[in-house]
PDB file of N, CA and C in Angstrom:
ATOM      1  N   UNK A   1       1.039  -0.979   0.110  1.00  0.00           N
ATOM      2  CA  UNK A   1       0.101   0.172   0.106  1.00  0.00           C
ATOM      3  C   UNK A   1       0.790   1.176   0.179  1.00  0.00           C
ATOM      4  N   UNK A   2       0.420   2.286  -1.041  1.00  0.00           N
ATOM      5  CA  UNK A   2       1.362   3.458  -1.021  1.00  0.00           C
ATOM      6  C   UNK A   2       0.864   4.862  -0.188  1.00  0.00           C
ATOM      7  N   UNK A   3       1.890   5.635   0.660  1.00  0.00           N
ATOM      8  CA  UNK A   3       0.883   6.680   1.349  1.00  0.00           C
ATOM      9  C   UNK A   3       0.877   7.608   0.401  1.00  0.00           C
ATOM     10  N   UNK A   4      -0.441   8.049   0.284  1.00  0.00           N
ATOM     11  CA  UNK A   4      -1.279   8.657  -0.423  1.00  0.00           C
ATOM     12  C   UNK A   4      -1.028  10.396  -0.547  1.00  0.00           C
ATOM     13  N   UNK A   5      -0.229  10.496   0.963  1.00  0.00           N
ATOM     14  CA  UNK A   5      -0.075  12.003   1.491  1.00  0.00           C
ATOM     15  C   UNK A   5       1.311  12.413   1.483  1.00  0.00           C
ATOM     16  N   UNK A   6       2.327  11.378   0.917  1.00  0.00           N
ATOM     17  CA  UNK A   6       3.512  11.987   0.630  1.00  0.00           C
ATOM     18  C   UNK A   6       3.595  12.383  -0.430  1.00  0.00           C
ATOM     19  N   UNK A   7       4.269  13.637  -0.540  1.00  0.00           N
ATOM     20  CA  UNK A   7       4.043  14.641  -1.722  1.00  0.00           C
ATOM     21  C   UNK A   7       5.050  13.522  -3.148  1.00  0.00           C
ATOM     22  N   UNK A   8       5.252  13.522  -4.113  1.00  0.00           N
ATOM     23  CA  UNK A   8       6.074  13.040  -5.084  1.00  0.00           C
ATOM     24  C   UNK A   8       7.358  13.331  -5.081  1.00  0.00           C
ATOM     25  N   UNK A   9       6.902  14.993  -5.620  1.00  0.00           N
ATOM     26  CA  UNK A   9       8.247  16.159  -5.913  1.00  0.00           C
ATOM     27  C   UNK A   9       8.225  17.738  -4.439  1.00  0.00           C
ATOM     28  N   UNK A  10       9.092  17.167  -4.257  1.00  0.00           N
ATOM     29  CA  UNK A  10       8.863  18.257  -3.293  1.00  0.00           C
ATOM     30  C   UNK A  10       9.335  19.328  -3.896  1.00  0.00           C
ATOM     31  N   UNK A  11       8.703  20.910  -3.330  1.00  0.00           N
ATOM     32  CA  UNK A  11       8.902  21.605  -3.812  1.00  0.00           C
ATOM     33  C   UNK A  11       9.771  22.583  -4.117  1.00  0.00           C
ATOM     34  N   UNK A  12      10.138  22.964  -5.527  1.00  0.00           N
ATOM     35  CA  UNK A  12      11.519  23.726  -5.837  1.00  0.00           C
ATOM     36  C   UNK A  12      11.864  24.777  -4.646  1.00  0.00           C
ATOM     37  N   UNK A  13      13.093  24.852  -4.005  1.00  0.00           N
ATOM     38  CA  UNK A  13      13.716  25.588  -3.159  1.00  0.00           C
ATOM     39  C   UNK A  13      13.862  27.242  -3.788  1.00  0.00           C
ATOM     40  N   UNK A  14      13.404  27.935  -3.271  1.00  0.00           N
ATOM     41  CA  UNK A  14      14.551  29.290  -3.829  1.00  0.00           C
ATOM     42  C   UNK A  14      15.225  29.706  -4.042  1.00  0.00           C
ATOM     43  N   UNK A  15      15.900  30.190  -5.322  1.00  0.00           N
ATOM     44  CA  UNK A  15      17.028  30.601  -5.301  1.00  0.00           C
ATOM     45  C   UNK A  15      17.760  30.858  -4.573  1.00  0.00           C
ATOM     46  N   UNK A  16      19.141  30.867  -4.316  1.00  0.00           N
ATOM     47  CA  UNK A  16      20.092  31.476  -3.206  1.00  0.00           C
ATOM     48  C   UNK A  16      19.998  32.871  -3.662  1.00  0.00           C
ATOM     49  N   UNK A  17      20.184  34.081  -2.466  1.00  0.00           N
ATOM     50  CA  UNK A  17      20.363  35.129  -3.256  1.00  0.00           C
ATOM     51  C   UNK A  17      21.764  35.809  -3.287  1.00  0.00           C
ATOM     52  N   UNK A  18      22.415  34.799  -3.400  1.00  0.00           N
ATOM     53  CA  UNK A  18      23.693  35.430  -3.767  1.00  0.00           C
ATOM     54  C   UNK A  18      23.563  36.117  -4.947  1.00  0.00           C
ATOM     55  N   UNK A  19      22.899  35.592  -6.378  1.00  0.00           N
ATOM     56  CA  UNK A  19      23.682  36.547  -7.515  1.00  0.00           C
ATOM     57  C   UNK A  19      22.792  37.843  -7.488  1.00  0.00           C
ATOM     58  N   UNK A  20      22.121  38.750  -6.097  1.00  0.00           N
ATOM     59  CA  UNK A  20      22.098  40.273  -6.142  1.00  0.00           C
ATOM     60  C   UNK A  20      22.719  40.983  -6.204  1.00  0.00           C
ATOM     61  N   UNK A  21      23.128  41.854  -6.732  1.00  0.00           N
ATOM     62  CA  UNK A  21      24.186  42.794  -6.797  1.00  0.00           C
ATOM     63  C   UNK A  21      23.890  44.089  -5.629  1.00  0.00           C
ATOM     64  N   UNK A  22      25.022  44.639  -5.242  1.00  0.00           N
ATOM     65  CA  UNK A  22      25.006  45.872  -4.183  1.00  0.00           C
ATOM     66  C   UNK A  22      23.839  47.097  -4.697  1.00  0.00           C
ATOM     67  N   UNK A  23      24.291  47.089  -5.806  1.00  0.00           N
ATOM     68  CA  UNK A  23      22.894  48.189  -6.531  1.00  0.00           C
ATOM     69  C   UNK A  23      21.742  47.376  -5.792  1.00  0.00           C
ATOM     70  N   UNK A  24      21.038  46.389  -6.779  1.00  0.00           N
ATOM     71  CA  UNK A  24      20.216  46.212  -6.497  1.00  0.00           C
ATOM     72  C   UNK A  24      19.429  45.995  -4.814  1.00  0.00           C
ATOM     73  N   UNK A  25      20.623  45.603  -3.970  1.00  0.00           N
ATOM     74  CA  UNK A  25      20.287  45.338  -2.511  1.00  0.00           C
ATOM     75  C   UNK A  25      19.832  46.734  -1.810  1.00  0.00           C
ATOM     76  N   UNK A  26      20.648  48.258  -2.511  1.00  0.00           N
ATOM     77  CA  UNK A  26      20.671  48.909  -1.841  1.00  0.00           C
ATOM     78  C   UNK A  26      19.544  49.702  -2.023  1.00  0.00           C
ATOM     79  N   UNK A  27      18.752  49.353  -3.201  1.00  0.00           N
ATOM     80  CA  UNK A  27      17.763  49.747  -4.139  1.00  0.00           C
ATOM     81  C   UNK A  27      16.430  49.394  -3.386  1.00  0.00           C
ATOM     82  N   UNK A  28      16.229  47.898  -2.790  1.00  0.00           N
ATOM     83  CA  UNK A  28      15.581  47.399  -1.919  1.00  0.00           C
ATOM     84  C   UNK A  28      15.441  48.051  -1.032  1.00  0.00           C
ATOM     85  N   UNK A  29      16.670  48.591  -0.246  1.00  0.00           N
ATOM     86  CA  UNK A  29      16.228  48.748   1.297  1.00  0.00           C
ATOM     87  C   UNK A  29      15.803  50.201   1.016  1.00  0.00           C
ATOM     88  N   UNK A  30      16.245  51.244   0.112  1.00  0.00           N
ATOM     89  CA  UNK A  30      15.883  52.343   0.058  1.00  0.00           C
ATOM     90  C   UNK A  30      14.434  52.343  -0.523  1.00  0.00           C
ATOM     91  N   UNK A  31      13.432  51.106  -1.246  1.00  0.00           N
ATOM     92  CA  UNK A  31      12.268  51.676  -1.300  1.00  0.00           C
ATOM     93  C   UNK A  31      11.322  50.885  -0.227  1.00  0.00           C
ATOM     94  N   UNK A  32      12.206  49.703   0.299  1.00  0.00           N
ATOM     95  CA  UNK A  32      11.606  50.136   1.944  1.00  0.00           C
ATOM     96  C   UNK A  32      11.492  50.615   3.226  1.00  0.00           C
ATOM     97  N   UNK A  33      12.646  51.259   2.726  1.00  0.00           N
ATOM     98  CA  UNK A  33      12.795  52.505   4.147  1.00  0.00           C
ATOM     99  C   UNK A  33      11.257  53.279   3.529  1.00  0.00           C
ATOM    100  N   UNK A  34      11.390  53.273   2.136  1.00  0.00           N
ATOM    101  CA  UNK A  34      10.260  54.857   1.640  1.00  0.00           C
ATOM    102  C   UNK A  34       9.239  54.154   2.426  1.00  0.00           C
ATOM    103  N   UNK A  35       8.768  53.513   1.602  1.00  0.00           N
ATOM    104  CA  UNK A  35       7.611  51.768   2.456  1.00  0.00           C
ATOM    105  C   UNK A  35       7.270  52.062   3.776  1.00  0.00           C
ATOM    106  N   UNK A  36       8.747  51.997   4.953  1.00  0.00           N
ATOM    107  CA  UNK A  36       8.116  52.074   5.791  1.00  0.00           C
ATOM    108  C   UNK A  36       7.702  53.345   6.807  1.00  0.00           C
ATOM    109  N   UNK A  37       8.215  54.060   6.292  1.00  0.00           N
ATOM    110  CA  UNK A  37       8.406  55.335   6.064  1.00  0.00           C
ATOM    111  C   UNK A  37       6.644  56.190   6.642  1.00  0.00           C
ATOM    112  N   UNK A  38       6.644  55.629   4.842  1.00  0.00           N
ATOM    113  CA  UNK A  38       4.912  56.006   4.015  1.00  0.00           C
ATOM    114  C   UNK A  38       3.764  55.463   5.052  1.00  0.00           C
ATOM    115  N   UNK A  39       4.215  53.946   5.794  1.00  0.00           N
ATOM    116  CA  UNK A  39       3.043  53.176   6.656  1.00  0.00           C
ATOM    117  C   UNK A  39       2.859  53.895   8.124  1.00  0.00           C
ATOM    118  N   UNK A  40       4.092  54.160   8.915  1.00  0.00           N
ATOM    119  CA  UNK A  40       4.081  55.226   9.425  1.00  0.00           C
ATOM    120  C   UNK A  40       3.339  56.338   9.495  1.00  0.00           C
ATOM    121  N   UNK A  41       3.507  57.157   8.521  1.00  0.00           N
ATOM    122  CA  UNK A  41       3.189  58.226   8.332  1.00  0.00           C
ATOM    123  C   UNK A  41       1.129  57.741   8.720  1.00  0.00           C
ATOM    124  N   UNK A  42       1.132  57.027   7.300  1.00  0.00           N
ATOM    125  CA  UNK A  42      -0.764  56.696   7.482  1.00  0.00           C
ATOM    126  C   UNK A  42      -0.886  56.120   8.917  1.00  0.00           C
ATOM    127  N   UNK A  43      -0.157  55.257   9.416  1.00  0.00           N
ATOM    128  CA  UNK A  43      -0.649  55.253  10.712  1.00  0.00           C
ATOM    129  C   UNK A  43      -1.023  56.500  11.557  1.00  0.00           C
ATOM    130  N   UNK A  44       0.024  57.035  12.135  1.00  0.00           N
ATOM    131  CA  UNK A  44      -0.069  58.242  12.436  1.00  0.00           C
ATOM    132  C   UNK A  44      -1.319  59.362  12.062  1.00  0.00           C
ATOM    133  N   UNK A  45      -1.216  58.775  10.528  1.00  0.00           N
ATOM    134  CA  UNK A  45      -2.660  60.370  10.438  1.00  0.00           C
ATOM    135  C   UNK A  45      -3.285  59.548  10.659  1.00  0.00           C
ATOM    136  N   UNK A  46      -3.736  57.998  10.662  1.00  0.00           N
ATOM    137  CA  UNK A  46      -5.114  57.772  11.015  1.00  0.00           C
ATOM    138  C   UNK A  46      -5.468  58.085  12.315  1.00  0.00           C
ATOM    139  N   UNK A  47      -4.432  57.716  13.484  1.00  0.00           N
ATOM    140  CA  UNK A  47      -4.721  58.005  15.058  1.00  0.00           C
ATOM    141  C   UNK A  47      -4.961  59.486  14.996  1.00  0.00           C
ATOM    142  N   UNK A  48      -4.348  60.417  14.606  1.00  0.00           N
ATOM    143  CA  UNK A  48      -5.018  61.756  14.731  1.00  0.00           C
ATOM    144  C   UNK A  48      -6.483  62.363  14.176  1.00  0.00           C
ATOM    145  N   UNK A  49      -6.939  61.710  12.637  1.00  0.00           N
ATOM    146  CA  UNK A  49      -8.135  61.700  12.540  1.00  0.00           C
ATOM    147  C   UNK A  49      -8.815  60.953  13.006  1.00  0.00           C
ATOM    148  N   UNK A  50      -8.562  59.761  13.329  1.00  0.00           N
ATOM    149  CA  UNK A  50      -9.789  59.182  14.136  1.00  0.00           C
ATOM    150  C   UNK A  50      -9.491  58.775  16.149  1.00  0.00           C
ATOM    151  N   UNK A  51      -9.340  60.242  17.035  1.00  0.00           N
ATOM    152  CA  UNK A  51      -8.974  59.417  17.866  1.00  0.00           C
ATOM    153  C   UNK A  51      -9.928  59.019  18.849  1.00  0.00           C
ATOM    154  N   UNK A  52     -11.115  58.934  18.438  1.00  0.00           N
ATOM    155  CA  UNK A  52     -12.099  57.855  19.151  1.00  0.00           C
ATOM    156  C   UNK A  52     -11.838  56.450  19.276  1.00  0.00           C
ATOM    157  N   UNK A  53     -11.719  55.606  17.690  1.00  0.00           N
ATOM    158  CA  UNK A  53     -11.132  54.829  17.754  1.00  0.00           C
ATOM    159  C   UNK A  53      -9.857  54.020  17.636  1.00  0.00           C
ATOM    160  N   UNK A  54      -8.616  55.736  17.854  1.00  0.00           N
ATOM    161  CA  UNK A  54      -7.633  55.142  18.354  1.00  0.00           C
ATOM    162  C   UNK A  54      -7.598  54.788  20.122  1.00  0.00           C
ATOM    163  N   UNK A  55      -8.229  55.624  20.756  1.00  0.00           N
ATOM    164  CA  UNK A  55      -8.672  55.322  22.449  1.00  0.00           C
ATOM    165  C   UNK A  55      -9.382  53.926  22.591  1.00  0.00           C
ATOM    166  N   UNK A  56     -10.466  53.928  21.400  1.00  0.00           N
ATOM    167  CA  UNK A  56     -10.737  52.566  21.865  1.00  0.00           C
ATOM    168  C   UNK A  56      -9.877  51.685  21.615  1.00  0.00           C
ATOM    169  N   UNK A  57      -9.306  51.345  20.663  1.00  0.00           N
ATOM    170  CA  UNK A  57      -8.366  50.123  20.258  1.00  0.00           C
ATOM    171  C   UNK A  57      -6.738  50.065  21.590  1.00  0.00           C
ATOM    172  N   UNK A  58      -6.253  51.644  22.078  1.00  0.00           N
ATOM    173  CA  UNK A  58      -5.802  51.689  23.467  1.00  0.00           C
ATOM    174  C   UNK A  58      -6.116  51.038  24.524  1.00  0.00           C
ATOM    175  N   UNK A  59      -7.321  51.070  25.065  1.00  0.00           N
ATOM    176  CA  UNK A  59      -8.181  50.437  25.791  1.00  0.00           C
ATOM    177  C   UNK A  59      -8.559  49.073  25.729  1.00  0.00           C
ATOM    178  N   UNK A  60      -8.750  48.353  24.577  1.00  0.00           N
ATOM    179  CA  UNK A  60      -8.621  46.949  23.845  1.00  0.00           C
ATOM    180  C   UNK A  60      -7.600  46.461  24.469  1.00  0.00           C
ATOM    181  N   UNK A  61      -6.245  47.361  23.990  1.00  0.00           N
ATOM    182  CA  UNK A  61      -4.608  46.742  23.733  1.00  0.00           C
ATOM    183  C   UNK A  61      -5.035  46.287  25.207  1.00  0.00           C
ATOM    184  N   UNK A  62      -4.869  47.536  26.263  1.00  0.00           N
ATOM    185  CA  UNK A  62      -4.494  47.284  27.848  1.00  0.00           C
ATOM    186  C   UNK A  62      -5.547  46.000  27.894  1.00  0.00           C
ATOM    187  N   UNK A  63      -6.447  45.762  28.091  1.00  0.00           N
ATOM    188  CA  UNK A  63      -7.405  44.935  28.714  1.00  0.00           C
ATOM    189  C   UNK A  63      -7.223  43.406  28.315  1.00  0.00           C
ATOM    190  N   UNK A  64      -6.864  43.263  26.579  1.00  0.00           N
ATOM    191  CA  UNK A  64      -5.756  42.140  26.163  1.00  0.00           C
ATOM    192  C   UNK A  64      -4.645  41.947  26.801  1.00  0.00           C
ATOM    193  N   UNK A  65      -4.210  43.011  27.586  1.00  0.00           N
ATOM    194  CA  UNK A  65      -2.713  42.297  28.105  1.00  0.00           C
ATOM    195  C   UNK A  65      -2.835  42.112  29.881  1.00  0.00           C
ATOM    196  N   UNK A  66      -4.028  43.159  30.364  1.00  0.00           N
ATOM    197  CA  UNK A  66      -4.970  42.523  31.611  1.00  0.00           C
ATOM    198  C   UNK A  66      -5.175  41.091  31.481  1.00  0.00           C
ATOM    199  N   UNK A  67      -5.690  40.786  30.531  1.00  0.00           N
ATOM    200  CA  UNK A  67      -6.441  39.415  30.534  1.00  0.00           C
ATOM    201  C   UNK A  67      -5.164  38.174  30.884  1.00  0.00           C
ATOM    202  N   UNK A  68      -4.144  38.314  29.872  1.00  0.00           N
ATOM    203  CA  UNK A  68      -3.428  37.737  30.206  1.00  0.00           C
ATOM    204  C   UNK A  68      -1.971  37.581  30.984  1.00  0.00           C
ATOM    205  N   UNK A  69      -2.158  38.846  31.621  1.00  0.00           N
ATOM    206  CA  UNK A  69      -0.729  38.611  32.571  1.00  0.00           C
ATOM    207  C   UNK A  69      -1.345  37.425  33.139  1.00  0.00           C
ATOM    208  N   UNK A  70       0.182  36.929  33.927  1.00  0.00           N
ATOM    209  CA  UNK A  70       0.623  35.852  34.918  1.00  0.00           C
ATOM    210  C   UNK A  70       0.794  36.402  36.068  1.00  0.00           C
ATOM    211  N   UNK A  71       0.357  35.878  36.997  1.00  0.00           N
ATOM    212  CA  UNK A  71      -0.008  36.646  38.850  1.00  0.00           C
ATOM    213  C   UNK A  71       0.902  36.072  39.636  1.00  0.00           C
TER     214      UNK A  71
END
């Protein structure tokens, strides 16, 4: 009897990252920094525009932390 759950061919592994040039790495890091900066700005704007929601989120986060606190 054969095992039907076994995968006949393993999934191909991703290629090693060694063939990326330093310029590509720099460009990737630059784009990532821009993305993270814009994400932080968007979160800050959302927090300022909807203070009620952010207050509610802070209260709920505090309640979650209290719930899982070990005495």
